[in-house]
Amino acid sequence: MLSAFARALAQLSDPALRRPLLVSLALAAVVFALLWVGLGFLAGRTRLFETWWLNWAVDALGGLLAVGLTFVLFPTVAAAILSLFLDQVIAAVEARYYPGLPPARPRGFAEQIGAAARFLGLALTLNLLALPFYFVPALNLLVFAGVNGYLLGREYFEMVAPRRLDREQRLRLWRRRRPWLLWAGVVFALASSVPLLNLAAPVFAVAAMTHLVEAYR
């Protein structure tokens, strides 16, 4: 596992990995910019109380919630968008470290959209359910690592493994290596919580998972 992480970090400077990373980050930024504009418009048009300071408190709480959601969900949204460019990242890793592999099974655009939508929907749902715990000191880190460790470990595996394995092979590999894949997901989740490093976390995770799948299969 450590070898997979080291190789993934070493390749982050590869131009073949930079382009999908920059595109996914830009699109994620657009998504959250639209979210902030929408929340601002909604807050400006909504008055729940007659007293101004109560309305101000609600607006401030909404702003705090939006900041929290942005911090928690930005890496997840970037990862979902990155899944649309997944094959480019994996192909670059395989070309550098596994040049002898036969051609991979191509993924159709509809399959990529479906995987991205499923991942994003599940991630949003679980993180929103866990959101109250994110405001509890000490517990928030454990909940964040647990929820997103499972999400990222499972979803990055499901992004990478179908290129080389059919459904039955993926299920067997997941069951056999689940503890290690979940620990990898925890590392991805923690990397996504570190400022600046979280911007590159999706590409790092895809590259590392490619190495793990190749080693385990």
Protein backbone atom coordinates (compact mmCIF):
# COMPACT_ATOMS: atom_id res chain seq x y z
CA MET A 1 0.00 0.00 0.00
CA LEU A 2 2.80 2.42 0.86
CA SER A 3 4.41 1.69 -2.50
CA ALA A 4 1.14 2.56 -4.26
CA PHE A 5 0.93 5.87 -2.39
CA ALA A 6 4.58 6.70 -3.12
CA ARG A 7 4.20 6.00 -6.83
CA ALA A 8 1.00 8.04 -7.04
CA LEU A 9 2.67 11.02 -5.35
CA ALA A 10 5.70 10.75 -7.62
CA GLN A 11 3.53 10.98 -10.74
CA LEU A 12 1.46 14.02 -9.75
CA SER A 13 3.78 16.25 -11.76
CA ASP A 14 3.03 14.26 -14.93
CA PRO A 15 1.34 16.57 -17.48
CA ALA A 16 -1.05 13.73 -18.36
CA LEU A 17 -2.42 13.94 -14.82
CA ARG A 18 -2.41 17.73 -14.50
CA ARG A 19 -4.95 18.46 -17.23
CA PRO A 20 -7.85 16.33 -15.88
CA LEU A 21 -7.03 17.59 -12.38
CA LEU A 22 -7.26 21.25 -13.41
CA VAL A 23 -10.46 20.67 -15.40
CA SER A 24 -12.16 18.82 -12.53
CA LEU A 25 -11.16 21.52 -10.03
CA ALA A 26 -12.41 24.28 -12.32
CA LEU A 27 -15.76 22.57 -12.84
CA ALA A 28 -16.11 21.85 -9.11
CA ALA A 29 -15.42 25.54 -8.40
CA VAL A 30 -18.17 26.48 -10.85
CA VAL A 31 -20.60 24.10 -9.12
CA PHE A 32 -19.93 25.65 -5.71
CA ALA A 33 -19.99 29.18 -7.09
CA LEU A 34 -23.47 28.49 -8.44
CA LEU A 35 -24.42 27.00 -5.07
CA TRP A 36 -23.27 30.13 -3.24
CA VAL A 37 -25.08 32.41 -5.70
CA GLY A 38 -28.25 30.36 -5.31
CA LEU A 39 -28.05 30.40 -1.52
CA GLY A 40 -27.38 34.14 -1.52
CA PHE A 41 -30.36 34.77 -3.78
CA LEU A 42 -32.58 32.57 -1.62
CA ALA A 43 -31.43 34.22 1.59
CA GLY A 44 -32.05 37.69 0.13
CA ARG A 45 -35.62 36.78 -0.82
CA THR A 46 -36.55 34.89 2.35
CA ARG A 47 -37.61 36.49 5.60
CA LEU A 48 -38.71 34.02 8.26
CA PHE A 49 -39.16 36.49 11.12
CA GLU A 50 -40.37 40.02 11.61
CA THR A 51 -37.35 40.87 13.76
CA TRP A 52 -34.30 41.85 11.70
CA TRP A 53 -31.73 40.34 14.00
CA LEU A 54 -33.42 36.92 13.90
CA ASN A 55 -33.32 37.01 10.12
CA TRP A 56 -29.67 38.08 10.28
CA ALA A 57 -28.91 35.13 12.59
CA VAL A 58 -30.61 32.71 10.17
CA ASP A 59 -28.64 34.16 7.26
CA ALA A 60 -25.38 33.88 9.23
CA LEU A 61 -26.17 30.27 10.15
CA GLY A 62 -26.93 29.52 6.51
CA GLY A 63 -23.61 31.07 5.49
CA LEU A 64 -21.77 28.98 8.08
CA LEU A 65 -23.53 25.87 6.82
CA ALA A 66 -22.56 26.71 3.23
CA VAL A 67 -18.91 27.12 4.25
CA GLY A 68 -18.99 23.80 6.08
CA LEU A 69 -20.58 22.03 3.12
CA THR A 70 -18.04 23.54 0.76
CA PHE A 71 -15.13 22.33 2.89
CA VAL A 72 -16.57 18.84 3.33
CA LEU A 73 -17.99 18.26 -0.13
CA PHE A 74 -15.53 20.03 -2.47
CA PRO A 75 -13.16 17.01 -2.74
CA THR A 76 -16.13 14.70 -3.27
CA VAL A 77 -17.61 16.85 -6.02
CA ALA A 78 -14.18 17.18 -7.66
CA ALA A 79 -13.77 13.40 -7.49
CA ALA A 80 -17.17 12.86 -9.11
CA ILE A 81 -16.28 15.24 -11.93
CA LEU A 82 -12.84 13.67 -12.27
CA SER A 83 -14.52 10.31 -12.89
CA LEU A 84 -15.50 11.70 -16.31
CA PHE A 85 -11.78 11.91 -17.13
CA LEU A 86 -10.86 8.75 -15.28
CA ASP A 87 -9.52 6.79 -18.23
CA GLN A 88 -6.95 9.50 -19.00
CA VAL A 89 -5.50 9.30 -15.49
CA ILE A 90 -5.44 5.51 -15.32
CA ALA A 91 -3.99 5.23 -18.84
CA ALA A 92 -1.13 7.56 -17.85
CA VAL A 93 -0.37 5.44 -14.76
CA GLU A 94 -0.49 2.21 -16.75
CA ALA A 95 1.67 3.61 -19.52
CA ARG A 96 4.38 4.56 -17.01
CA TYR A 97 4.33 1.56 -14.67
CA TYR A 98 2.53 -1.26 -16.52
CA PRO A 99 3.33 -0.89 -20.24
CA GLY A 100 2.84 -4.61 -20.90
CA LEU A 101 -0.87 -4.65 -20.03
CA PRO A 102 -3.35 -5.53 -22.81
CA PRO A 103 -5.89 -2.90 -23.89
CA ALA A 104 -8.43 -2.11 -21.18
CA ARG A 105 -12.17 -2.46 -21.54
CA PRO A 106 -13.44 0.93 -22.75
CA ARG A 107 -16.11 2.65 -20.67
CA GLY A 108 -18.98 4.31 -22.47
CA PHE A 109 -19.91 7.92 -21.72
CA ALA A 110 -23.26 6.83 -20.25
CA GLU A 111 -21.46 4.44 -17.89
CA GLN A 112 -19.11 7.23 -16.78
CA ILE A 113 -22.01 9.64 -16.18
CA GLY A 114 -23.90 6.97 -14.24
CA ALA A 115 -20.89 6.19 -12.03
CA ALA A 116 -20.27 9.88 -11.34
CA ALA A 117 -23.94 10.52 -10.51
CA ARG A 118 -24.13 7.48 -8.20
CA PHE A 119 -20.95 8.44 -6.39
CA LEU A 120 -22.00 12.07 -5.99
CA GLY A 121 -25.50 11.17 -4.81
CA LEU A 122 -24.26 8.69 -2.21
CA ALA A 123 -21.52 11.04 -1.02
CA LEU A 124 -23.90 13.98 -0.64
CA THR A 125 -26.47 11.85 1.20
CA LEU A 126 -24.03 10.32 3.70
CA ASN A 127 -22.19 13.58 4.34
CA LEU A 128 -25.43 15.49 4.89
CA LEU A 129 -26.58 12.82 7.36
CA ALA A 130 -23.23 13.06 9.14
CA LEU A 131 -23.10 16.88 9.03
CA PRO A 132 -24.27 17.46 12.66
CA PHE A 133 -21.34 15.36 13.91
CA TYR A 134 -18.86 17.50 11.96
CA PHE A 135 -19.45 20.32 14.45
CA VAL A 136 -18.47 18.16 17.45
CA PRO A 137 -14.73 18.50 18.24
CA ALA A 138 -12.69 15.27 18.07
CA LEU A 139 -15.71 13.26 16.93
CA ASN A 140 -15.83 15.20 13.66
CA LEU A 141 -12.48 13.85 12.45
CA LEU A 142 -13.46 10.26 13.22
CA VAL A 143 -16.83 10.60 11.49
CA PHE A 144 -15.30 12.36 8.49
CA ALA A 145 -12.61 9.69 8.12
CA GLY A 146 -15.07 6.84 8.59
CA VAL A 147 -17.79 8.06 6.22
CA ASN A 148 -15.49 9.33 3.50
CA GLY A 149 -13.02 6.48 3.98
CA TYR A 150 -15.75 4.03 3.05
CA LEU A 151 -17.06 6.23 0.25
CA LEU A 152 -13.72 6.93 -1.37
CA GLY A 153 -12.31 3.43 -0.87
CA ARG A 154 -15.35 1.79 -2.45
CA GLU A 155 -15.99 4.33 -5.18
CA TYR A 156 -12.41 4.69 -6.39
CA PHE A 157 -12.21 0.91 -6.50
CA GLU A 158 -15.39 0.83 -8.59
CA MET A 159 -13.94 3.51 -10.87
CA VAL A 160 -10.68 1.68 -11.53
CA ALA A 161 -11.42 -2.06 -11.31
CA PRO A 162 -13.96 -2.32 -14.19
CA ARG A 163 -11.20 -1.61 -16.72
CA ARG A 164 -9.61 -5.00 -16.03
CA LEU A 165 -12.17 -7.07 -14.09
CA ASP A 166 -15.72 -8.22 -14.69
CA ARG A 167 -18.40 -7.86 -12.02
CA GLU A 168 -17.80 -11.23 -10.33
CA GLN A 169 -14.04 -10.68 -10.25
CA ARG A 170 -14.53 -7.23 -8.73
CA LEU A 171 -16.80 -8.60 -6.00
CA ARG A 172 -14.32 -11.31 -5.09
CA LEU A 173 -11.42 -8.88 -5.03
CA TRP A 174 -13.37 -6.36 -2.93
CA ARG A 175 -14.33 -8.99 -0.36
CA ARG A 176 -10.81 -10.37 -0.16
CA ARG A 177 -9.06 -6.99 0.13
CA ARG A 178 -11.79 -4.88 1.71
CA PRO A 179 -9.90 -3.90 4.90
CA TRP A 180 -6.93 -2.60 2.92
CA LEU A 181 -9.10 -0.82 0.37
CA LEU A 182 -11.05 0.87 3.17
CA TRP A 183 -7.83 1.97 4.85
CA ALA A 184 -6.76 3.40 1.50
CA GLY A 185 -10.07 5.28 1.45
CA VAL A 186 -9.32 6.73 4.88
CA VAL A 187 -5.96 7.99 3.56
CA PHE A 188 -7.76 9.56 0.59
CA ALA A 189 -10.29 11.19 2.93
CA LEU A 190 -7.59 12.61 5.20
CA ALA A 191 -5.63 13.87 2.17
CA SER A 192 -8.79 15.59 0.96
CA SER A 193 -9.06 17.49 4.27
CA VAL A 194 -5.57 19.05 4.06
CA PRO A 195 -5.58 22.51 2.39
CA LEU A 196 -3.85 22.57 -1.01
CA LEU A 197 -3.23 18.83 -0.87
CA ASN A 198 -6.98 18.31 -1.12
CA LEU A 199 -6.93 19.88 -4.58
CA ALA A 200 -4.76 17.06 -5.91
CA ALA A 201 -6.36 14.35 -3.75
CA PRO A 202 -8.72 12.98 -6.46
CA VAL A 203 -5.91 12.37 -8.97
CA PHE A 204 -3.66 10.99 -6.22
CA ALA A 205 -6.46 8.61 -5.18
CA VAL A 206 -7.13 7.38 -8.72
CA ALA A 207 -3.42 6.79 -9.35
CA ALA A 208 -2.93 5.01 -6.01
CA MET A 209 -6.02 2.84 -6.52
CA THR A 210 -4.73 1.85 -9.96
CA HIS A 211 -1.55 0.55 -8.31
CA LEU A 212 -3.54 -1.24 -5.59
CA VAL A 213 -5.87 -2.96 -8.05
CA GLU A 214 -2.93 -4.09 -10.18
CA ALA A 215 -1.09 -5.43 -7.13
CA TYR A 216 -4.12 -7.19 -5.64
CA ARG A 217 -5.53 -8.72 -8.81
